[in-house]
Amino acid sequence: IDEIASLTAHTDERINLAKERLAY
């Protein structure tokens, strides 16, 4: 959960890194 919170802490284009991690 803490890693997910870190991945989704940003609402700008950095959220795409979280999407990429989800997909991967």
PDB file of all heavy atoms in Angstrom:
ATOM      1  N   ILE A   1       0.818  -1.210   0.000  1.00  0.00           N
ATOM      2  CA  ILE A   1       0.000   0.000   0.000  1.00  0.00           C
ATOM      3  C   ILE A   1       0.854   1.263   0.000  1.00  0.00           C
ATOM      4  O   ILE A   1       0.545   2.241  -0.695  1.00  0.00           O
ATOM      5  CB  ILE A   1      -0.957   0.009   1.214  1.00  0.00           C
ATOM      6  CG1 ILE A   1      -2.005  -1.111   1.068  1.00  0.00           C
ATOM      7  CG2 ILE A   1      -1.650   1.355   1.352  1.00  0.00           C
ATOM      8  CD1 ILE A   1      -2.954  -0.930  -0.094  1.00  0.00           C
ATOM      9  N   ASP A   2       1.961   1.264   0.776  1.00  0.00           N
ATOM     10  CA  ASP A   2       2.782   2.468   0.825  1.00  0.00           C
ATOM     11  C   ASP A   2       3.459   2.741  -0.514  1.00  0.00           C
ATOM     12  O   ASP A   2       3.649   3.897  -0.916  1.00  0.00           O
ATOM     13  CB  ASP A   2       3.821   2.385   1.947  1.00  0.00           C
ATOM     14  CG  ASP A   2       4.720   1.164   1.851  1.00  0.00           C
ATOM     15  OD1 ASP A   2       4.461   0.295   0.997  1.00  0.00           O
ATOM     16  OD2 ASP A   2       5.677   1.070   2.643  1.00  0.00           O
ATOM     17  N   GLU A   3       3.814   1.688  -1.255  1.00  0.00           N
ATOM     18  CA  GLU A   3       4.404   1.875  -2.578  1.00  0.00           C
ATOM     19  C   GLU A   3       3.365   2.417  -3.560  1.00  0.00           C
ATOM     20  O   GLU A   3       3.670   3.276  -4.396  1.00  0.00           O
ATOM     21  CB  GLU A   3       4.991   0.566  -3.103  1.00  0.00           C
ATOM     22  CG  GLU A   3       5.734   0.716  -4.420  1.00  0.00           C
ATOM     23  CD  GLU A   3       6.421  -0.559  -4.880  1.00  0.00           C
ATOM     24  OE1 GLU A   3       6.459  -1.542  -4.111  1.00  0.00           O
ATOM     25  OE2 GLU A   3       6.919  -0.571  -6.023  1.00  0.00           O
ATOM     26  N   ILE A   4       2.139   1.936  -3.434  1.00  0.00           N
ATOM     27  CA  ILE A   4       1.052   2.443  -4.283  1.00  0.00           C
ATOM     28  C   ILE A   4       0.810   3.919  -3.997  1.00  0.00           C
ATOM     29  O   ILE A   4       0.634   4.731  -4.918  1.00  0.00           O
ATOM     30  CB  ILE A   4      -0.233   1.621  -4.057  1.00  0.00           C
ATOM     31  CG1 ILE A   4      -0.055   0.191  -4.586  1.00  0.00           C
ATOM     32  CG2 ILE A   4      -1.431   2.291  -4.732  1.00  0.00           C
ATOM     33  CD1 ILE A   4      -1.192  -0.745  -4.242  1.00  0.00           C
ATOM     34  N   ALA A   5       0.833   4.279  -2.722  1.00  0.00           N
ATOM     35  CA  ALA A   5       0.640   5.692  -2.353  1.00  0.00           C
ATOM     36  C   ALA A   5       1.733   6.564  -2.947  1.00  0.00           C
ATOM     37  O   ALA A   5       1.466   7.670  -3.430  1.00  0.00           O
ATOM     38  CB  ALA A   5       0.614   5.827  -0.832  1.00  0.00           C
ATOM     39  N   SER A   6       2.957   6.066  -2.949  1.00  0.00           N
ATOM     40  CA  SER A   6       4.074   6.815  -3.515  1.00  0.00           C
ATOM     41  C   SER A   6       3.926   6.960  -5.026  1.00  0.00           C
ATOM     42  O   SER A   6       4.162   8.035  -5.590  1.00  0.00           O
ATOM     43  CB  SER A   6       5.391   6.110  -3.182  1.00  0.00           C
ATOM     44  OG  SER A   6       6.482   6.775  -3.775  1.00  0.00           O
ATOM     45  N   LEU A   7       3.517   5.864  -5.694  1.00  0.00           N
ATOM     46  CA  LEU A   7       3.368   5.888  -7.146  1.00  0.00           C
ATOM     47  C   LEU A   7       2.278   6.859  -7.596  1.00  0.00           C
ATOM     48  O   LEU A   7       2.355   7.446  -8.676  1.00  0.00           O
ATOM     49  CB  LEU A   7       3.030   4.479  -7.661  1.00  0.00           C
ATOM     50  CG  LEU A   7       4.175   3.489  -7.809  1.00  0.00           C
ATOM     51  CD1 LEU A   7       3.637   2.082  -8.017  1.00  0.00           C
ATOM     52  CD2 LEU A   7       5.074   3.886  -8.978  1.00  0.00           C
ATOM     53  N   THR A   8       1.251   7.017  -6.784  1.00  0.00           N
ATOM     54  CA  THR A   8       0.080   7.814  -7.188  1.00  0.00           C
ATOM     55  C   THR A   8       0.012   9.148  -6.455  1.00  0.00           C
ATOM     56  O   THR A   8      -1.045   9.765  -6.390  1.00  0.00           O
ATOM     57  CB  THR A   8      -1.215   7.015  -6.944  1.00  0.00           C
ATOM     58  OG1 THR A   8      -1.280   6.625  -5.560  1.00  0.00           O
ATOM     59  CG2 THR A   8      -1.258   5.774  -7.810  1.00  0.00           C
ATOM     60  N   ALA A   9       1.131   9.586  -5.924  1.00  0.00           N
ATOM     61  CA  ALA A   9       1.147  10.832  -5.157  1.00  0.00           C
ATOM     62  C   ALA A   9       1.010  12.064  -6.044  1.00  0.00           C
ATOM     63  O   ALA A   9       0.678  13.143  -5.564  1.00  0.00           O
ATOM     64  CB  ALA A   9       2.438  10.926  -4.339  1.00  0.00           C
ATOM     65  N   HIS A  10       1.267  11.907  -7.340  1.00  0.00           N
ATOM     66  CA  HIS A  10       1.254  13.057  -8.254  1.00  0.00           C
ATOM     67  C   HIS A  10       0.050  12.973  -9.199  1.00  0.00           C
ATOM     68  O   HIS A  10      -0.368  11.887  -9.595  1.00  0.00           O
ATOM     69  CB  HIS A  10       2.535  13.102  -9.078  1.00  0.00           C
ATOM     70  CG  HIS A  10       3.776  13.075  -8.232  1.00  0.00           C
ATOM     71  ND1 HIS A  10       4.230  14.171  -7.539  1.00  0.00           N
ATOM     72  CD2 HIS A  10       4.651  12.059  -7.954  1.00  0.00           C
ATOM     73  CE1 HIS A  10       5.321  13.848  -6.887  1.00  0.00           C
ATOM     74  NE2 HIS A  10       5.602  12.585  -7.114  1.00  0.00           N
ATOM     75  N   THR A  11      -0.474  14.126  -9.546  1.00  0.00           N
ATOM     76  CA  THR A  11      -1.616  14.170 -10.472  1.00  0.00           C
ATOM     77  C   THR A  11      -1.227  14.735 -11.831  1.00  0.00           C
ATOM     78  O   THR A  11      -2.077  14.854 -12.714  1.00  0.00           O
ATOM     79  CB  THR A  11      -2.753  15.029  -9.880  1.00  0.00           C
ATOM     80  OG1 THR A  11      -2.237  16.340  -9.575  1.00  0.00           O
ATOM     81  CG2 THR A  11      -3.306  14.404  -8.602  1.00  0.00           C
ATOM     82  N   ASP A  12       0.044  15.092 -12.001  1.00  0.00           N
ATOM     83  CA  ASP A  12       0.494  15.574 -13.296  1.00  0.00           C
ATOM     84  C   ASP A  12       0.888  14.392 -14.174  1.00  0.00           C
ATOM     85  O   ASP A  12       0.464  13.258 -13.933  1.00  0.00           O
ATOM     86  CB  ASP A  12       1.645  16.573 -13.128  1.00  0.00           C
ATOM     87  CG  ASP A  12       2.821  15.990 -12.340  1.00  0.00           C
ATOM     88  OD1 ASP A  12       2.919  14.747 -12.258  1.00  0.00           O
ATOM     89  OD2 ASP A  12       3.618  16.761 -11.798  1.00  0.00           O
ATOM     90  N   GLU A  13       1.715  14.612 -15.190  1.00  0.00           N
ATOM     91  CA  GLU A  13       2.046  13.544 -16.135  1.00  0.00           C
ATOM     92  C   GLU A  13       2.785  12.375 -15.481  1.00  0.00           C
ATOM     93  O   GLU A  13       2.852  11.286 -16.051  1.00  0.00           O
ATOM     94  CB  GLU A  13       2.885  14.107 -17.282  1.00  0.00           C
ATOM     95  CG  GLU A  13       4.232  14.640 -16.864  1.00  0.00           C
ATOM     96  CD  GLU A  13       5.034  15.148 -18.052  1.00  0.00           C
ATOM     97  OE1 GLU A  13       4.429  15.352 -19.127  1.00  0.00           O
ATOM     98  OE2 GLU A  13       6.249  15.307 -17.900  1.00  0.00           O
ATOM     99  N   ARG A  14       3.295  12.577 -14.264  1.00  0.00           N
ATOM    100  CA  ARG A  14       3.975  11.488 -13.567  1.00  0.00           C
ATOM    101  C   ARG A  14       3.028  10.347 -13.204  1.00  0.00           C
ATOM    102  O   ARG A  14       3.474   9.247 -12.891  1.00  0.00           O
ATOM    103  CB  ARG A  14       4.683  12.021 -12.318  1.00  0.00           C
ATOM    104  CG  ARG A  14       5.962  12.794 -12.615  1.00  0.00           C
ATOM    105  CD  ARG A  14       6.529  13.469 -11.385  1.00  0.00           C
ATOM    106  NE  ARG A  14       5.717  14.606 -10.974  1.00  0.00           N
ATOM    107  CZ  ARG A  14       6.024  15.415  -9.966  1.00  0.00           C
ATOM    108  NH1 ARG A  14       7.122  15.187  -9.253  1.00  0.00           N
ATOM    109  NH2 ARG A  14       5.246  16.435  -9.653  1.00  0.00           N
ATOM    110  N   ILE A  15       1.714  10.598 -13.252  1.00  0.00           N
ATOM    111  CA  ILE A  15       0.744   9.529 -12.996  1.00  0.00           C
ATOM    112  C   ILE A  15       0.861   8.436 -14.053  1.00  0.00           C
ATOM    113  O   ILE A  15       0.481   7.286 -13.821  1.00  0.00           O
ATOM    114  CB  ILE A  15      -0.696  10.094 -12.952  1.00  0.00           C
ATOM    115  CG1 ILE A  15      -1.654   9.090 -12.290  1.00  0.00           C
ATOM    116  CG2 ILE A  15      -1.181  10.446 -14.346  1.00  0.00           C
ATOM    117  CD1 ILE A  15      -1.410   8.861 -10.840  1.00  0.00           C
ATOM    118  N   ASN A  16       1.424   8.791 -15.223  1.00  0.00           N
ATOM    119  CA  ASN A  16       1.597   7.792 -16.277  1.00  0.00           C
ATOM    120  C   ASN A  16       2.583   6.697 -15.877  1.00  0.00           C
ATOM    121  O   ASN A  16       2.495   5.563 -16.355  1.00  0.00           O
ATOM    122  CB  ASN A  16       2.050   8.464 -17.574  1.00  0.00           C
ATOM    123  CG  ASN A  16       0.946   9.290 -18.203  1.00  0.00           C
ATOM    124  OD1 ASN A  16      -0.219   8.934 -18.118  1.00  0.00           O
ATOM    125  ND2 ASN A  16       1.306  10.409 -18.808  1.00  0.00           N
ATOM    126  N   LEU A  17       3.522   7.021 -14.995  1.00  0.00           N
ATOM    127  CA  LEU A  17       4.442   6.001 -14.495  1.00  0.00           C
ATOM    128  C   LEU A  17       3.693   4.975 -13.653  1.00  0.00           C
ATOM    129  O   LEU A  17       4.006   3.783 -13.683  1.00  0.00           O
ATOM    130  CB  LEU A  17       5.559   6.651 -13.673  1.00  0.00           C
ATOM    131  CG  LEU A  17       6.492   7.596 -14.432  1.00  0.00           C
ATOM    132  CD1 LEU A  17       7.478   8.263 -13.474  1.00  0.00           C
ATOM    133  CD2 LEU A  17       7.249   6.829 -15.522  1.00  0.00           C
ATOM    134  N   ALA A  18       2.704   5.456 -12.907  1.00  0.00           N
ATOM    135  CA  ALA A  18       1.879   4.541 -12.113  1.00  0.00           C
ATOM    136  C   ALA A  18       1.034   3.653 -13.028  1.00  0.00           C
ATOM    137  O   ALA A  18       0.875   2.452 -12.773  1.00  0.00           O
ATOM    138  CB  ALA A  18       0.992   5.329 -11.158  1.00  0.00           C
ATOM    139  N   LYS A  19       0.500   4.241 -14.105  1.00  0.00           N
ATOM    140  CA  LYS A  19      -0.278   3.451 -15.069  1.00  0.00           C
ATOM    141  C   LYS A  19       0.599   2.382 -15.717  1.00  0.00           C
ATOM    142  O   LYS A  19       0.172   1.240 -15.914  1.00  0.00           O
ATOM    143  CB  LYS A  19      -0.868   4.354 -16.151  1.00  0.00           C
ATOM    144  CG  LYS A  19      -1.903   5.345 -15.672  1.00  0.00           C
ATOM    145  CD  LYS A  19      -2.446   6.113 -16.878  1.00  0.00           C
ATOM    146  CE  LYS A  19      -3.417   7.189 -16.471  1.00  0.00           C
ATOM    147  NZ  LYS A  19      -4.017   7.865 -17.633  1.00  0.00           N
ATOM    148  N   GLU A  20       1.805   2.770 -16.046  1.00  0.00           N
ATOM    149  CA  GLU A  20       2.740   1.839 -16.667  1.00  0.00           C
ATOM    150  C   GLU A  20       3.061   0.676 -15.722  1.00  0.00           C
ATOM    151  O   GLU A  20       3.134  -0.480 -16.135  1.00  0.00           O
ATOM    152  CB  GLU A  20       4.019   2.594 -17.037  1.00  0.00           C
ATOM    153  CG  GLU A  20       4.888   1.898 -18.055  1.00  0.00           C
ATOM    154  CD  GLU A  20       6.040   2.782 -18.505  1.00  0.00           C
ATOM    155  OE1 GLU A  20       7.008   2.934 -17.710  1.00  0.00           O
ATOM    156  OE2 GLU A  20       5.977   3.320 -19.619  1.00  0.00           O
ATOM    157  N   ARG A  21       3.207   0.999 -14.447  1.00  0.00           N
ATOM    158  CA  ARG A  21       3.496  -0.044 -13.454  1.00  0.00           C
ATOM    159  C   ARG A  21       2.301  -0.976 -13.297  1.00  0.00           C
ATOM    160  O   ARG A  21       2.455  -2.198 -13.200  1.00  0.00           O
ATOM    161  CB  ARG A  21       3.843   0.607 -12.109  1.00  0.00           C
ATOM    162  CG  ARG A  21       4.293  -0.383 -11.040  1.00  0.00           C
ATOM    163  CD  ARG A  21       5.631  -1.028 -11.389  1.00  0.00           C
ATOM    164  NE  ARG A  21       6.047  -1.980 -10.373  1.00  0.00           N
ATOM    165  CZ  ARG A  21       6.660  -1.656  -9.237  1.00  0.00           C
ATOM    166  NH1 ARG A  21       6.943  -0.369  -8.982  1.00  0.00           N
ATOM    167  NH2 ARG A  21       6.999  -2.574  -8.374  1.00  0.00           N
ATOM    168  N   LEU A  22       1.115  -0.423 -13.254  1.00  0.00           N
ATOM    169  CA  LEU A  22      -0.104  -1.231 -13.187  1.00  0.00           C
ATOM    170  C   LEU A  22      -0.167  -2.192 -14.365  1.00  0.00           C
ATOM    171  O   LEU A  22      -0.390  -3.401 -14.194  1.00  0.00           O
ATOM    172  CB  LEU A  22      -1.339  -0.312 -13.194  1.00  0.00           C
ATOM    173  CG  LEU A  22      -2.697  -0.969 -13.438  1.00  0.00           C
ATOM    174  CD1 LEU A  22      -3.070  -1.871 -12.268  1.00  0.00           C
ATOM    175  CD2 LEU A  22      -3.787   0.092 -13.661  1.00  0.00           C
ATOM    176  N   ALA A  23       0.028  -1.654 -15.565  1.00  0.00           N
ATOM    177  CA  ALA A  23      -0.041  -2.474 -16.774  1.00  0.00           C
ATOM    178  C   ALA A  23       1.029  -3.555 -16.769  1.00  0.00           C
ATOM    179  O   ALA A  23       0.772  -4.709 -17.124  1.00  0.00           O
ATOM    180  CB  ALA A  23       0.104  -1.585 -18.010  1.00  0.00           C
ATOM    181  N   TYR A  24       2.222  -3.194 -16.339  1.00  0.00           N
ATOM    182  CA  TYR A  24       3.338  -4.154 -16.349  1.00  0.00           C
ATOM    183  C   TYR A  24       3.098  -5.279 -15.345  1.00  0.00           C
ATOM    184  O   TYR A  24       3.254  -6.469 -15.681  1.00  0.00           O
ATOM    185  CB  TYR A  24       4.656  -3.454 -16.035  1.00  0.00           C
ATOM    186  CG  TYR A  24       5.840  -4.396 -16.112  1.00  0.00           C
ATOM    187  CD1 TYR A  24       6.455  -4.648 -17.335  1.00  0.00           C
ATOM    188  CD2 TYR A  24       6.296  -5.076 -14.990  1.00  0.00           C
ATOM    189  CE1 TYR A  24       7.512  -5.543 -17.426  1.00  0.00           C
ATOM    190  CE2 TYR A  24       7.349  -5.975 -15.068  1.00  0.00           C
ATOM    191  CZ  TYR A  24       7.963  -6.199 -16.288  1.00  0.00           C
ATOM    192  OH  TYR A  24       8.990  -7.098 -16.375  1.00  0.00           O
TER     193      TYR A  24
END
